[in-house]
Amino acid sequence: MKKIGKNNPKAKYIRQNNKQRSKWNMHVSKAIDRGIPVPLLIAVKVSEVTKPIQEAMLRGNEPIDIFMRIVDRAITTLDRFVSDLLFYKLTDEIKPYSERFYKGMDACRSHMKKSVNKEWEIEQFDI
């Protein structure tokens, strides 16, 4: 959490940023409580938060506008990924940064785009 000084012109942004970070941390804590390995959660953070923010900054976008959307999407993806891992009982089989990891992440992201089509669930982890 960042501290906010007096008369800081970015106070509103810092409050929003802190709120998003707290929300992310809460979802990660829930995932840890449900038995998801920490290295897997770190890999989710890198692929869903760190890299998109770096790419946005390289394109010249201000992180002020984009940070909220990136973290919201990452939280949705994290929740879906965790529920899929638990449903398919794959918490110990999926390794961070492996092909199966990225395939599962892509499936969770595509679920957000096409919530009606559930065909991907069958092929998601090559069961």
C-alpha atoms as a PDB file:
ATOM      1  CA  MET A   1       0.000   0.000   0.000  1.00  0.00           C
ATOM      2  CA  LYS A   2       1.259   3.410  -0.913  1.00  0.00           C
ATOM      3  CA  LYS A   3       0.933   6.259   1.544  1.00  0.00           C
ATOM      4  CA  ILE A   4      -0.823   9.413   0.397  1.00  0.00           C
ATOM      5  CA  GLY A   5       0.790  12.715   1.321  1.00  0.00           C
ATOM      6  CA  LYS A   6      -1.011  15.991   1.894  1.00  0.00           C
ATOM      7  CA  ASN A   7      -2.104  17.876  -1.231  1.00  0.00           C
ATOM      8  CA  ASN A   8      -1.043  15.010  -3.486  1.00  0.00           C
ATOM      9  CA  PRO A   9      -2.561  15.571  -6.948  1.00  0.00           C
ATOM     10  CA  LYS A  10      -2.579  11.799  -7.552  1.00  0.00           C
ATOM     11  CA  ALA A  11      -4.368  10.951  -4.288  1.00  0.00           C
ATOM     12  CA  LYS A  12      -7.455   9.622  -6.071  1.00  0.00           C
ATOM     13  CA  TYR A  13      -5.337   7.354  -8.290  1.00  0.00           C
ATOM     14  CA  ILE A  14      -3.318   6.095  -5.317  1.00  0.00           C
ATOM     15  CA  ARG A  15      -6.512   5.248  -3.380  1.00  0.00           C
ATOM     16  CA  GLN A  16      -7.886   3.340  -6.392  1.00  0.00           C
ATOM     17  CA  ASN A  17      -4.560   1.596  -6.885  1.00  0.00           C
ATOM     18  CA  ASN A  18      -4.444   0.553  -3.228  1.00  0.00           C
ATOM     19  CA  LYS A  19      -8.022  -0.708  -3.414  1.00  0.00           C
ATOM     20  CA  GLN A  20      -7.235  -2.832  -6.497  1.00  0.00           C
ATOM     21  CA  ARG A  21      -4.100  -4.250  -4.877  1.00  0.00           C
ATOM     22  CA  SER A  22      -6.100  -5.182  -1.767  1.00  0.00           C
ATOM     23  CA  LYS A  23      -8.745  -6.845  -3.918  1.00  0.00           C
ATOM     24  CA  TRP A  24      -6.072  -8.855  -5.803  1.00  0.00           C
ATOM     25  CA  ASN A  25      -4.380  -9.855  -2.539  1.00  0.00           C
ATOM     26  CA  MET A  26      -7.710 -11.011  -1.099  1.00  0.00           C
ATOM     27  CA  HIS A  27      -8.358 -13.277  -4.114  1.00  0.00           C
ATOM     28  CA  VAL A  28      -4.811 -14.670  -3.942  1.00  0.00           C
ATOM     29  CA  SER A  29      -5.256 -15.393  -0.226  1.00  0.00           C
ATOM     30  CA  LYS A  30      -8.476 -17.266  -0.999  1.00  0.00           C
ATOM     31  CA  ALA A  31      -6.652 -19.301  -3.651  1.00  0.00           C
ATOM     32  CA  ILE A  32      -3.882 -20.187  -1.182  1.00  0.00           C
ATOM     33  CA  ASP A  33      -6.492 -21.226   1.379  1.00  0.00           C
ATOM     34  CA  ARG A  34      -8.064 -23.497  -1.239  1.00  0.00           C
ATOM     35  CA  GLY A  35      -4.742 -25.283  -1.773  1.00  0.00           C
ATOM     36  CA  ILE A  36      -3.335 -23.645  -4.905  1.00  0.00           C
ATOM     37  CA  PRO A  37       0.517 -23.671  -4.829  1.00  0.00           C
ATOM     38  CA  VAL A  38       2.154 -20.257  -4.456  1.00  0.00           C
ATOM     39  CA  PRO A  39       4.488 -20.686  -7.495  1.00  0.00           C
ATOM     40  CA  LEU A  40       1.400 -21.201  -9.658  1.00  0.00           C
ATOM     41  CA  LEU A  41      -0.153 -17.992  -8.305  1.00  0.00           C
ATOM     42  CA  ILE A  42       3.072 -16.099  -8.972  1.00  0.00           C
ATOM     43  CA  ALA A  43       2.983 -17.347 -12.567  1.00  0.00           C
ATOM     44  CA  VAL A  44      -0.625 -16.130 -12.893  1.00  0.00           C
ATOM     45  CA  LYS A  45       0.395 -12.706 -11.583  1.00  0.00           C
ATOM     46  CA  VAL A  46       3.299 -12.458 -14.011  1.00  0.00           C
ATOM     47  CA  SER A  47       1.244 -13.478 -17.040  1.00  0.00           C
ATOM     48  CA  GLU A  48      -1.928 -11.555 -16.128  1.00  0.00           C
ATOM     49  CA  VAL A  49      -0.693  -8.431 -14.311  1.00  0.00           C
ATOM     50  CA  THR A  50       3.026  -7.768 -14.667  1.00  0.00           C
ATOM     51  CA  LYS A  51       3.453  -8.420 -18.402  1.00  0.00           C
ATOM     52  CA  PRO A  52       0.288  -6.557 -19.524  1.00  0.00           C
ATOM     53  CA  ILE A  53       1.286  -3.509 -17.454  1.00  0.00           C
ATOM     54  CA  GLN A  54       4.811  -3.568 -18.906  1.00  0.00           C
ATOM     55  CA  GLU A  55       3.421  -3.869 -22.436  1.00  0.00           C
ATOM     56  CA  ALA A  56       1.005  -0.984 -21.837  1.00  0.00           C
ATOM     57  CA  MET A  57       3.819   1.220 -20.579  1.00  0.00           C
ATOM     58  CA  LEU A  58       6.010   0.333 -23.584  1.00  0.00           C
ATOM     59  CA  ARG A  59       3.169   1.433 -25.875  1.00  0.00           C
ATOM     60  CA  GLY A  60       3.131   4.748 -24.060  1.00  0.00           C
ATOM     61  CA  ASN A  61      -0.145   4.280 -22.205  1.00  0.00           C
ATOM     62  CA  GLU A  62      -0.444   5.718 -18.738  1.00  0.00           C
ATOM     63  CA  PRO A  63      -0.787   2.976 -16.146  1.00  0.00           C
ATOM     64  CA  ILE A  64      -3.304   5.173 -14.303  1.00  0.00           C
ATOM     65  CA  ASP A  65      -6.052   4.339 -16.788  1.00  0.00           C
ATOM     66  CA  ILE A  66      -5.089   0.792 -17.588  1.00  0.00           C
ATOM     67  CA  PHE A  67      -4.084  -0.608 -14.194  1.00  0.00           C
ATOM     68  CA  MET A  68      -7.676  -0.974 -12.972  1.00  0.00           C
ATOM     69  CA  ARG A  69      -8.819  -2.863 -16.065  1.00  0.00           C
ATOM     70  CA  ILE A  70      -5.779  -5.148 -16.092  1.00  0.00           C
ATOM     71  CA  VAL A  71      -6.195  -6.112 -12.436  1.00  0.00           C
ATOM     72  CA  ASP A  72      -9.969  -6.621 -12.810  1.00  0.00           C
ATOM     73  CA  ARG A  73      -9.382  -8.953 -15.733  1.00  0.00           C
ATOM     74  CA  ALA A  74      -6.584 -10.729 -13.841  1.00  0.00           C
ATOM     75  CA  ILE A  75      -8.871 -11.302 -10.846  1.00  0.00           C
ATOM     76  CA  THR A  76     -11.558 -12.791 -13.063  1.00  0.00           C
ATOM     77  CA  THR A  77      -9.002 -15.012 -14.797  1.00  0.00           C
ATOM     78  CA  LEU A  78      -7.457 -16.061 -11.471  1.00  0.00           C
ATOM     79  CA  ASP A  79     -10.841 -17.020 -10.012  1.00  0.00           C
ATOM     80  CA  ARG A  80     -11.775 -19.033 -13.084  1.00  0.00           C
ATOM     81  CA  PHE A  81      -8.360 -20.728 -13.213  1.00  0.00           C
ATOM     82  CA  VAL A  82      -8.502 -21.669  -9.526  1.00  0.00           C
ATOM     83  CA  SER A  83     -12.015 -23.077  -9.823  1.00  0.00           C
ATOM     84  CA  ASP A  84     -10.998 -25.097 -12.912  1.00  0.00           C
ATOM     85  CA  LEU A  85      -7.900 -26.487 -11.169  1.00  0.00           C
ATOM     86  CA  LEU A  86      -9.987 -27.554  -8.211  1.00  0.00           C
ATOM     87  CA  PHE A  87     -12.801 -28.954 -10.367  1.00  0.00           C
ATOM     88  CA  TYR A  88     -10.435 -31.078 -12.448  1.00  0.00           C
ATOM     89  CA  LYS A  89      -8.227 -31.872  -9.387  1.00  0.00           C
ATOM     90  CA  LEU A  90      -5.088 -30.620 -11.117  1.00  0.00           C
ATOM     91  CA  THR A  91      -3.544 -28.436  -8.402  1.00  0.00           C
ATOM     92  CA  ASP A  92      -0.407 -30.614  -8.212  1.00  0.00           C
ATOM     93  CA  GLU A  93      -0.179 -31.563 -11.893  1.00  0.00           C
ATOM     94  CA  ILE A  94      -0.027 -28.110 -13.518  1.00  0.00           C
ATOM     95  CA  LYS A  95       3.461 -26.605 -13.377  1.00  0.00           C
ATOM     96  CA  PRO A  96       4.041 -22.838 -13.639  1.00  0.00           C
ATOM     97  CA  TYR A  97       4.955 -21.592 -17.127  1.00  0.00           C
ATOM     98  CA  SER A  98       4.347 -25.003 -18.705  1.00  0.00           C
ATOM     99  CA  GLU A  99       2.358 -25.545 -21.884  1.00  0.00           C
ATOM    100  CA  ARG A 100      -0.589 -26.858 -19.863  1.00  0.00           C
ATOM    101  CA  PHE A 101      -0.439 -23.771 -17.644  1.00  0.00           C
ATOM    102  CA  TYR A 102      -0.685 -21.404 -20.605  1.00  0.00           C
ATOM    103  CA  LYS A 103      -3.383 -23.524 -22.242  1.00  0.00           C
ATOM    104  CA  GLY A 104      -5.447 -23.356 -19.047  1.00  0.00           C
ATOM    105  CA  MET A 105      -4.921 -19.604 -18.756  1.00  0.00           C
ATOM    106  CA  ASP A 106      -5.983 -19.089 -22.372  1.00  0.00           C
ATOM    107  CA  ALA A 107      -9.102 -21.143 -21.742  1.00  0.00           C
ATOM    108  CA  CYS A 108      -9.965 -19.000 -18.719  1.00  0.00           C
ATOM    109  CA  ARG A 109      -9.460 -15.807 -20.719  1.00  0.00           C
ATOM    110  CA  SER A 110     -11.534 -17.102 -23.619  1.00  0.00           C
ATOM    111  CA  HIS A 111     -14.299 -17.953 -21.165  1.00  0.00           C
ATOM    112  CA  MET A 112     -14.612 -14.255 -20.389  1.00  0.00           C
ATOM    113  CA  LYS A 113     -15.034 -13.518 -24.100  1.00  0.00           C
ATOM    114  CA  LYS A 114     -17.522 -16.281 -24.841  1.00  0.00           C
ATOM    115  CA  SER A 115     -19.307 -17.129 -21.651  1.00  0.00           C
ATOM    116  CA  VAL A 116     -22.063 -18.958 -23.535  1.00  0.00           C
ATOM    117  CA  ASN A 117     -19.783 -21.429 -25.340  1.00  0.00           C
ATOM    118  CA  LYS A 118     -18.443 -24.065 -22.931  1.00  0.00           C
ATOM    119  CA  GLU A 119     -16.836 -26.474 -25.412  1.00  0.00           C
ATOM    120  CA  TRP A 120     -13.364 -25.468 -24.231  1.00  0.00           C
ATOM    121  CA  GLU A 121     -13.948 -27.085 -20.822  1.00  0.00           C
ATOM    122  CA  ILE A 122     -13.652 -30.552 -22.331  1.00  0.00           C
ATOM    123  CA  GLU A 123     -10.280 -29.948 -23.982  1.00  0.00           C
ATOM    124  CA  GLN A 124      -8.982 -27.436 -21.472  1.00  0.00           C
ATOM    125  CA  PHE A 125      -6.367 -29.555 -19.725  1.00  0.00           C
ATOM    126  CA  ASP A 126      -6.059 -32.456 -22.193  1.00  0.00           C
ATOM    127  CA  ILE A 127      -7.720 -34.853 -19.807  1.00  0.00           C
END
